[in-house]
Amino acid sequence: MSKSGPVGVAVIGAGNISKQYLDNLTTFPDVKVLVVADLFEDAAAARAAEYGIEAFGGVDTALNHPDVEIVVNLTIPAAHVEVATAAVRAGKHVWTEKPFSLDRDSGLGLLKEAAAAGMRLGCAPDTFLGAGLQTARRLIDAGKIGTPLTALTMFQSPGPESWHPNPAFLFQQGAGPLFDMAPYYLTALVQTFGPIAKVAAVGSTAFPTRTIGSGPKAGEVFDVEVPTHVSAIAQFESGASSHSVFSFESPKSRMGFVEITGTEGTISLPDPNNFDGEIKFCKAGEDEWTAVAAEGPANGRGMGVLDMARSIRAGIPHRVPGELAYHVLDAMVSIAESVDSGEFVAVESTAPASPALPSDWNPTEATL
């Protein structure tokens, strides 16, 4: 017999980003956070107390809880597949932070194991479910810029070590500006153009070490293991193309720049790392931008978890499936390979189309 009522959720990983998720998940009536777990149980206890969640402890506390249906996996990137696999084997659906995995083999293995077990996988970013990118998508689908042809995206910053209290992992394998930031931009592009067919890229590393600039570890020096600047081009199966910059090397920050040009105009999208933002479009032959107000929900991280929960109860596909996340991961690995080889690299995977989110979809409404 299928279950009814709110969907039980466990959060594994009580670090920095867990607060953003819990701020929202604890206000969505269609989900109920039952457990906070972490390798460091004191961290789990503190975060659980902050949100009034009774159960906390190590990872097994979440995996063994009989009422948990979805595990929200907020561990470090190197642990994503291990924790997600354990959750699937425990009979739990999984929402994981990006990246989906660090390599193709482990990502494919996770997809196959979840499919065999009948468990769902979802993966950040779910920002494209927010009002900003959904409104832009509706404009593109309505033909505001004609047929989309090309895109330009940029993420440039000095790097997160100045503000993040524990930034070293962001400069290790599986992170850097490519694996940390490209999921937002590539996911937004795939939602517009469809699957990516091939990529080419160059990369560089400006400094072999970085220094933590704030928090209790301020002054500590750590090694940089990955390129901190990547410039990539992608060609999509549709024939469209894009040029993207992902950089932790720019003294001047330039974040959230996404422009898509079509046969009849250009549209400027909101920052794909956010759920809301300004949309502008400019018709061919005109110089002035026209602003468009975003319509729909923009509650923040956790919207994808809620969509998964409601989809589980309805027995329909959820909008941010593991196959989409794996395709973006495959594209990022291909970009990294192109940096090393200096050649185009084919992206062998594909991605399902994600149905648009109705503008009246309301996360704070009880529907289950």
Protein backbone atom coordinates (compact mmCIF):
# COMPACT_ATOMS: atom_id res chain seq x y z
CA MET A 1 0.00 0.00 0.00
CA SER A 2 1.39 3.42 -0.92
CA LYS A 3 1.99 5.88 1.86
CA SER A 4 0.13 9.13 2.34
CA GLY A 5 0.73 12.36 4.17
CA PRO A 6 3.97 14.32 4.52
CA VAL A 7 7.14 12.60 3.33
CA GLY A 8 9.74 11.84 5.98
CA VAL A 9 13.18 13.36 5.35
CA ALA A 10 16.62 12.89 6.88
CA VAL A 11 19.46 15.36 6.34
CA ILE A 12 22.94 13.83 6.29
CA GLY A 13 25.64 16.48 6.57
CA ALA A 14 25.30 19.28 9.13
CA GLY A 15 27.72 21.68 7.47
CA ASN A 16 27.37 25.17 6.07
CA ILE A 17 24.75 24.42 3.40
CA SER A 18 22.48 22.39 5.68
CA LYS A 19 21.13 25.59 7.19
CA GLN A 20 19.90 26.79 3.79
CA TYR A 21 18.07 23.51 3.24
CA LEU A 22 16.63 23.30 6.74
CA ASP A 23 15.41 26.88 6.68
CA ASN A 24 13.07 25.78 3.89
CA LEU A 25 12.41 22.09 4.49
CA THR A 26 11.17 22.79 8.00
CA THR A 27 8.56 25.21 6.58
CA PHE A 28 7.21 22.95 3.77
CA PRO A 29 4.17 21.10 5.17
CA ASP A 30 4.45 18.27 2.62
CA VAL A 31 7.78 17.11 4.08
CA LYS A 32 8.80 16.41 7.66
CA VAL A 33 12.46 16.50 8.71
CA LEU A 34 12.89 13.62 11.14
CA VAL A 35 16.67 13.29 11.51
CA VAL A 36 19.87 15.31 11.21
CA ALA A 37 22.96 13.12 10.86
CA ASP A 38 26.67 13.74 10.44
CA LEU A 39 29.97 11.93 10.76
CA PHE A 40 30.60 14.38 13.61
CA GLU A 41 27.65 13.72 15.86
CA ASP A 42 28.13 16.91 17.88
CA ALA A 43 27.55 18.90 14.69
CA ALA A 44 24.38 16.92 14.02
CA ALA A 45 23.17 17.52 17.56
CA ALA A 46 23.74 21.27 17.32
CA ARG A 47 21.96 21.59 13.98
CA ALA A 48 19.05 19.43 15.13
CA ALA A 49 18.64 21.53 18.27
CA GLU A 50 18.65 24.70 16.18
CA TYR A 51 15.59 23.49 14.26
CA GLY A 52 13.83 21.52 16.96
CA ILE A 53 14.45 18.13 15.30
CA GLU A 54 14.35 15.34 17.85
CA ALA A 55 16.52 12.65 16.21
CA PHE A 56 20.20 13.14 15.46
CA GLY A 57 23.38 11.11 15.33
CA GLY A 58 25.64 9.32 12.88
CA VAL A 59 24.76 8.31 9.34
CA ASP A 60 23.16 5.03 10.45
CA THR A 61 20.66 7.01 12.53
CA ALA A 62 19.24 8.41 9.30
CA LEU A 63 19.50 5.22 7.24
CA ASN A 64 17.80 3.05 9.86
CA HIS A 65 14.92 5.39 10.66
CA PRO A 66 11.75 3.58 9.50
CA ASP A 67 9.83 6.75 8.60
CA VAL A 68 12.52 8.39 6.50
CA GLU A 69 11.68 8.14 2.79
CA ILE A 70 14.12 10.71 1.35
CA VAL A 71 17.73 11.19 2.42
CA VAL A 72 19.06 14.68 1.69
CA ASN A 73 22.77 14.09 1.15
CA LEU A 74 24.75 17.23 2.02
CA THR A 75 28.12 15.58 2.59
CA ILE A 76 31.36 16.70 0.91
CA PRO A 77 31.63 15.85 -2.82
CA ALA A 78 34.01 12.93 -2.25
CA ALA A 79 31.37 11.22 -0.08
CA HIS A 80 28.31 11.85 -2.27
CA VAL A 81 28.20 8.47 -4.04
CA GLU A 82 29.13 6.44 -0.96
CA VAL A 83 26.37 7.98 1.16
CA ALA A 84 23.80 7.93 -1.67
CA THR A 85 24.54 4.26 -2.37
CA ALA A 86 24.14 3.37 1.31
CA ALA A 87 20.82 5.22 1.38
CA VAL A 88 19.53 3.44 -1.73
CA ARG A 89 20.51 0.09 -0.22
CA ALA A 90 18.58 1.08 2.90
CA GLY A 91 15.47 1.62 0.78
CA LYS A 92 15.58 5.42 0.72
CA HIS A 93 15.16 7.85 -2.14
CA VAL A 94 18.07 10.30 -2.34
CA TRP A 95 18.47 13.99 -3.02
CA THR A 96 22.16 14.87 -3.15
CA GLU A 97 24.07 18.11 -3.35
CA LYS A 98 26.10 18.64 -6.50
CA PRO A 99 28.16 17.25 -8.01
CA PHE A 100 26.29 14.00 -8.56
CA SER A 101 29.60 12.11 -8.44
CA LEU A 102 33.27 12.75 -9.14
CA ASP A 103 33.59 10.41 -12.12
CA ARG A 104 31.45 8.66 -14.71
CA ASP A 105 31.86 5.09 -13.40
CA SER A 106 30.64 5.82 -9.88
CA GLY A 107 27.81 8.00 -11.20
CA LEU A 108 26.61 5.30 -13.60
CA GLY A 109 26.91 2.72 -10.86
CA LEU A 110 24.70 4.80 -8.59
CA LEU A 111 22.09 5.28 -11.35
CA LYS A 112 21.97 1.54 -12.02
CA GLU A 113 21.77 0.60 -8.36
CA ALA A 114 18.94 3.04 -7.70
CA ALA A 115 17.02 1.86 -10.76
CA ALA A 116 17.36 -1.79 -9.69
CA ALA A 117 16.14 -0.91 -6.20
CA GLY A 118 13.24 1.22 -7.44
CA MET A 119 14.60 4.26 -5.61
CA ARG A 120 14.58 7.81 -6.96
CA LEU A 121 17.64 10.02 -7.28
CA GLY A 122 17.67 13.81 -7.47
CA CYS A 123 20.51 16.26 -7.38
CA ALA A 124 21.18 19.96 -7.01
CA PRO A 125 20.95 22.43 -8.50
CA ASP A 126 17.21 22.87 -8.18
CA THR A 127 17.61 26.60 -8.77
CA PHE A 128 16.09 26.21 -12.24
CA LEU A 129 12.78 25.44 -10.50
CA GLY A 130 12.74 28.98 -9.10
CA ALA A 131 10.66 31.83 -10.46
CA GLY A 132 13.59 33.47 -12.25
CA LEU A 133 14.70 30.66 -14.56
CA GLN A 134 11.18 29.25 -14.94
CA THR A 135 9.89 32.65 -16.11
CA ALA A 136 12.79 32.91 -18.56
CA ARG A 137 12.02 29.42 -19.81
CA ARG A 138 8.38 30.32 -20.42
CA LEU A 139 9.47 33.39 -22.43
CA ILE A 140 11.85 31.29 -24.53
CA ASP A 141 9.20 28.60 -25.06
CA ALA A 142 6.77 31.33 -26.15
CA GLY A 143 9.19 32.42 -28.88
CA LYS A 144 10.30 35.77 -27.42
CA ILE A 145 13.78 35.38 -28.94
CA GLY A 146 12.85 33.01 -31.77
CA THR A 147 14.89 29.82 -31.97
CA PRO A 148 17.67 29.78 -29.33
CA LEU A 149 21.06 29.56 -31.05
CA THR A 150 23.93 30.52 -28.72
CA ALA A 151 24.71 31.37 -25.11
CA LEU A 152 27.38 33.17 -23.13
CA THR A 153 27.82 32.51 -19.40
CA MET A 154 30.35 33.84 -16.91
CA PHE A 155 31.23 33.14 -13.30
CA GLN A 156 34.28 35.08 -12.13
CA SER A 157 35.42 35.66 -8.55
CA PRO A 158 38.64 35.81 -6.49
CA GLY A 159 37.65 32.49 -4.90
CA PRO A 160 35.74 31.40 -1.78
CA GLU A 161 38.72 31.26 0.61
CA SER A 162 38.12 34.86 1.74
CA TRP A 163 34.69 34.11 3.24
CA HIS A 164 34.22 30.33 3.56
CA PRO A 165 35.22 29.04 7.02
CA ASN A 166 36.60 25.76 5.63
CA PRO A 167 37.29 26.24 1.90
CA ALA A 168 40.07 23.72 1.20
CA PHE A 169 37.68 21.07 -0.19
CA LEU A 170 36.54 23.58 -2.84
CA PHE A 171 40.05 23.43 -4.34
CA GLN A 172 40.36 19.64 -4.29
CA GLN A 173 39.47 17.03 -6.91
CA GLY A 174 35.73 17.18 -7.59
CA ALA A 175 35.50 20.89 -6.88
CA GLY A 176 37.20 24.02 -8.19
CA PRO A 177 35.16 26.55 -10.17
CA LEU A 178 34.25 23.89 -12.74
CA PHE A 179 32.70 21.24 -10.49
CA ASP A 180 31.51 23.74 -7.88
CA MET A 181 29.83 26.33 -10.12
CA ALA A 182 29.31 24.82 -13.59
CA PRO A 183 26.34 22.67 -12.46
CA TYR A 184 24.22 25.82 -12.11
CA TYR A 185 25.14 27.18 -15.52
CA LEU A 186 25.19 23.92 -17.47
CA THR A 187 21.87 22.81 -15.99
CA ALA A 188 20.27 26.12 -17.04
CA LEU A 189 21.71 25.69 -20.55
CA VAL A 190 20.50 22.09 -20.85
CA GLN A 191 17.02 23.26 -19.84
CA THR A 192 17.11 25.69 -22.77
CA PHE A 193 19.01 23.82 -25.50
CA GLY A 194 18.67 20.17 -24.55
CA PRO A 195 21.52 17.68 -24.07
CA ILE A 196 25.18 18.54 -24.71
CA ALA A 197 26.90 16.64 -27.54
CA LYS A 198 30.56 17.69 -27.22
CA VAL A 199 32.82 20.14 -25.40
CA ALA A 200 36.25 21.74 -25.63
CA ALA A 201 38.10 23.71 -22.95
CA VAL A 202 41.30 25.26 -21.64
CA GLY A 203 42.22 25.75 -17.99
CA SER A 204 44.86 27.23 -15.70
CA THR A 205 45.92 27.49 -12.06
CA ALA A 206 47.17 30.88 -10.93
CA PHE A 207 48.47 29.94 -7.47
CA PRO A 208 49.60 26.55 -6.10
CA THR A 209 48.28 27.39 -2.61
CA ARG A 210 45.56 29.55 -1.06
CA THR A 211 45.13 31.07 2.43
CA ILE A 212 41.95 30.97 4.50
CA GLY A 213 40.83 34.53 5.10
CA SER A 214 38.19 34.28 7.84
CA GLY A 215 36.85 32.14 10.66
CA PRO A 216 38.69 29.92 13.16
CA LYS A 217 41.07 28.62 10.47
CA ALA A 218 42.07 32.06 9.19
CA GLY A 219 45.69 32.15 8.10
CA GLU A 220 45.93 28.43 7.31
CA VAL A 221 47.47 27.64 3.91
CA PHE A 222 46.20 24.78 1.76
CA ASP A 223 47.13 23.25 -1.61
CA VAL A 224 45.22 23.86 -4.84
CA GLU A 225 44.68 20.58 -6.72
CA VAL A 226 42.53 21.68 -9.69
CA PRO A 227 42.41 24.38 -12.37
CA THR A 228 41.04 27.61 -10.92
CA HIS A 229 40.10 29.06 -14.31
CA VAL A 230 38.29 27.12 -17.04
CA SER A 231 37.02 28.46 -20.35
CA ALA A 232 34.72 26.00 -22.13
CA ILE A 233 32.64 25.77 -25.27
CA ALA A 234 29.81 23.31 -25.73
CA GLN A 235 27.82 22.17 -28.72
CA PHE A 236 24.37 20.78 -28.04
CA GLU A 237 22.58 17.98 -29.85
CA SER A 238 20.28 20.66 -31.29
CA GLY A 239 23.24 22.35 -32.99
CA ALA A 240 23.23 25.32 -30.60
CA SER A 241 26.45 26.29 -28.84
CA SER A 242 27.66 28.08 -25.72
CA HIS A 243 30.81 29.69 -24.30
CA SER A 244 31.32 29.62 -20.52
CA VAL A 245 33.94 30.96 -18.10
CA PHE A 246 34.31 29.47 -14.61
CA SER A 247 36.99 31.24 -12.59
CA PHE A 248 38.34 31.62 -9.06
CA GLU A 249 41.08 33.91 -10.43
CA SER A 250 39.34 37.23 -11.05
CA PRO A 251 39.92 40.14 -8.62
CA LYS A 252 36.63 41.57 -9.88
CA SER A 253 33.58 39.40 -9.32
CA ARG A 254 31.17 38.82 -12.16
CA MET A 255 28.62 36.23 -11.21
CA GLY A 256 25.38 35.03 -12.70
CA PHE A 257 25.92 36.28 -16.26
CA VAL A 258 23.82 34.26 -18.70
CA GLU A 259 22.71 35.56 -22.09
CA ILE A 260 20.93 33.45 -24.68
CA THR A 261 20.65 34.70 -28.25
CA GLY A 262 18.06 33.48 -30.71
CA THR A 263 16.98 34.21 -34.23
CA GLU A 264 14.83 37.13 -33.13
CA GLY A 265 16.49 38.55 -30.02
CA THR A 266 18.51 38.03 -26.84
CA ILE A 267 17.39 37.20 -23.31
CA SER A 268 19.37 37.86 -20.12
CA LEU A 269 18.67 35.20 -17.49
CA PRO A 270 18.88 35.58 -13.71
CA ASP A 271 21.86 34.19 -11.81
CA PRO A 272 21.41 30.39 -12.10
CA ASN A 273 22.77 30.07 -8.56
CA ASN A 274 19.64 31.87 -7.33
CA PHE A 275 15.94 31.08 -7.40
CA ASP A 276 14.76 34.55 -8.39
CA GLY A 277 16.16 37.54 -10.23
CA GLU A 278 15.76 39.94 -13.10
CA ILE A 279 14.92 38.82 -16.62
CA LYS A 280 15.50 41.09 -19.62
CA PHE A 281 15.11 40.60 -23.35
CA CYS A 282 16.06 42.65 -26.36
CA LYS A 283 14.44 42.20 -29.76
CA ALA A 284 16.49 42.06 -32.93
CA GLY A 285 17.15 45.55 -34.29
CA GLU A 286 16.56 47.24 -30.92
CA ASP A 287 19.09 48.57 -28.40
CA GLU A 288 16.95 48.74 -25.26
CA TRP A 289 16.31 45.90 -22.85
CA THR A 290 12.77 45.13 -21.69
CA ALA A 291 12.50 43.92 -18.09
CA VAL A 292 10.12 41.10 -17.16
CA ALA A 293 9.01 40.35 -13.61
CA ALA A 294 9.60 36.79 -12.41
CA GLU A 295 6.47 34.79 -11.63
CA GLY A 296 6.23 31.76 -9.40
CA PRO A 297 7.80 30.40 -6.20
CA ALA A 298 11.38 31.22 -5.24
CA ASN A 299 11.66 29.67 -1.79
CA GLY A 300 15.21 28.42 -2.21
CA ARG A 301 17.17 25.21 -1.72
CA GLY A 302 14.92 22.29 -1.01
CA MET A 303 12.37 22.99 -3.75
CA GLY A 304 13.72 19.97 -5.63
CA VAL A 305 13.32 17.80 -2.52
CA LEU A 306 9.72 18.95 -2.20
CA ASP A 307 9.02 18.28 -5.89
CA MET A 308 10.46 14.78 -5.41
CA ALA A 309 8.29 14.23 -2.33
CA ARG A 310 5.10 15.31 -4.08
CA SER A 311 6.03 13.24 -7.14
CA ILE A 312 6.58 10.15 -4.99
CA ARG A 313 3.06 10.48 -3.59
CA ALA A 314 1.61 11.16 -7.07
CA GLY A 315 3.56 8.37 -8.74
CA ILE A 316 4.91 10.68 -11.46
CA PRO A 317 8.49 11.56 -12.52
CA HIS A 318 10.17 14.32 -10.51
CA ARG A 319 11.63 17.33 -12.32
CA VAL A 320 15.28 17.07 -11.22
CA PRO A 321 16.20 13.42 -11.82
CA GLY A 322 19.56 11.75 -11.38
CA GLU A 323 19.87 11.29 -15.15
CA LEU A 324 19.93 15.08 -15.61
CA ALA A 325 22.56 15.47 -12.90
CA TYR A 326 24.64 12.67 -14.40
CA HIS A 327 24.53 14.30 -17.84
CA VAL A 328 25.81 17.56 -16.35
CA LEU A 329 28.49 15.60 -14.47
CA ASP A 330 29.43 13.82 -17.71
CA ALA A 331 29.76 17.22 -19.43
CA MET A 332 31.98 18.56 -16.62
CA VAL A 333 34.23 15.49 -16.68
CA SER A 334 34.45 15.89 -20.45
CA ILE A 335 35.43 19.55 -20.01
CA ALA A 336 38.16 18.53 -17.54
CA GLU A 337 39.39 15.91 -20.00
CA SER A 338 39.48 18.51 -22.76
CA VAL A 339 41.58 20.81 -20.54
CA ASP A 340 44.10 17.97 -20.24
CA SER A 341 44.01 16.78 -23.87
CA GLY A 342 43.48 20.02 -25.77
CA GLU A 343 40.86 18.26 -27.92
CA PHE A 344 37.08 18.12 -28.28
CA VAL A 345 35.51 15.44 -26.08
CA ALA A 346 32.17 13.81 -26.85
CA VAL A 347 29.52 13.76 -24.11
CA GLU A 348 28.04 10.28 -24.41
CA SER A 349 25.09 10.62 -22.00
CA THR A 350 21.82 12.42 -22.56
CA ALA A 351 19.24 14.06 -20.30
CA PRO A 352 15.44 13.84 -20.06
CA ALA A 353 13.35 16.96 -20.57
CA SER A 354 12.14 18.50 -17.32
CA PRO A 355 8.47 19.55 -17.35
CA ALA A 356 7.90 23.21 -16.59
CA LEU A 357 6.82 24.11 -13.07
CA PRO A 358 3.37 25.76 -12.90
CA SER A 359 3.63 29.39 -11.82
CA ASP A 360 1.07 28.71 -9.06
CA TRP A 361 3.07 25.79 -7.58
CA ASN A 362 3.14 26.63 -3.88
CA PRO A 363 5.78 25.05 -1.59
CA THR A 364 4.08 26.31 1.59
CA GLU A 365 0.73 24.71 0.73
CA ALA A 366 -0.19 21.34 2.26
CA THR A 367 -1.18 19.06 -0.62
CA LEU A 368 -0.50 15.55 0.71
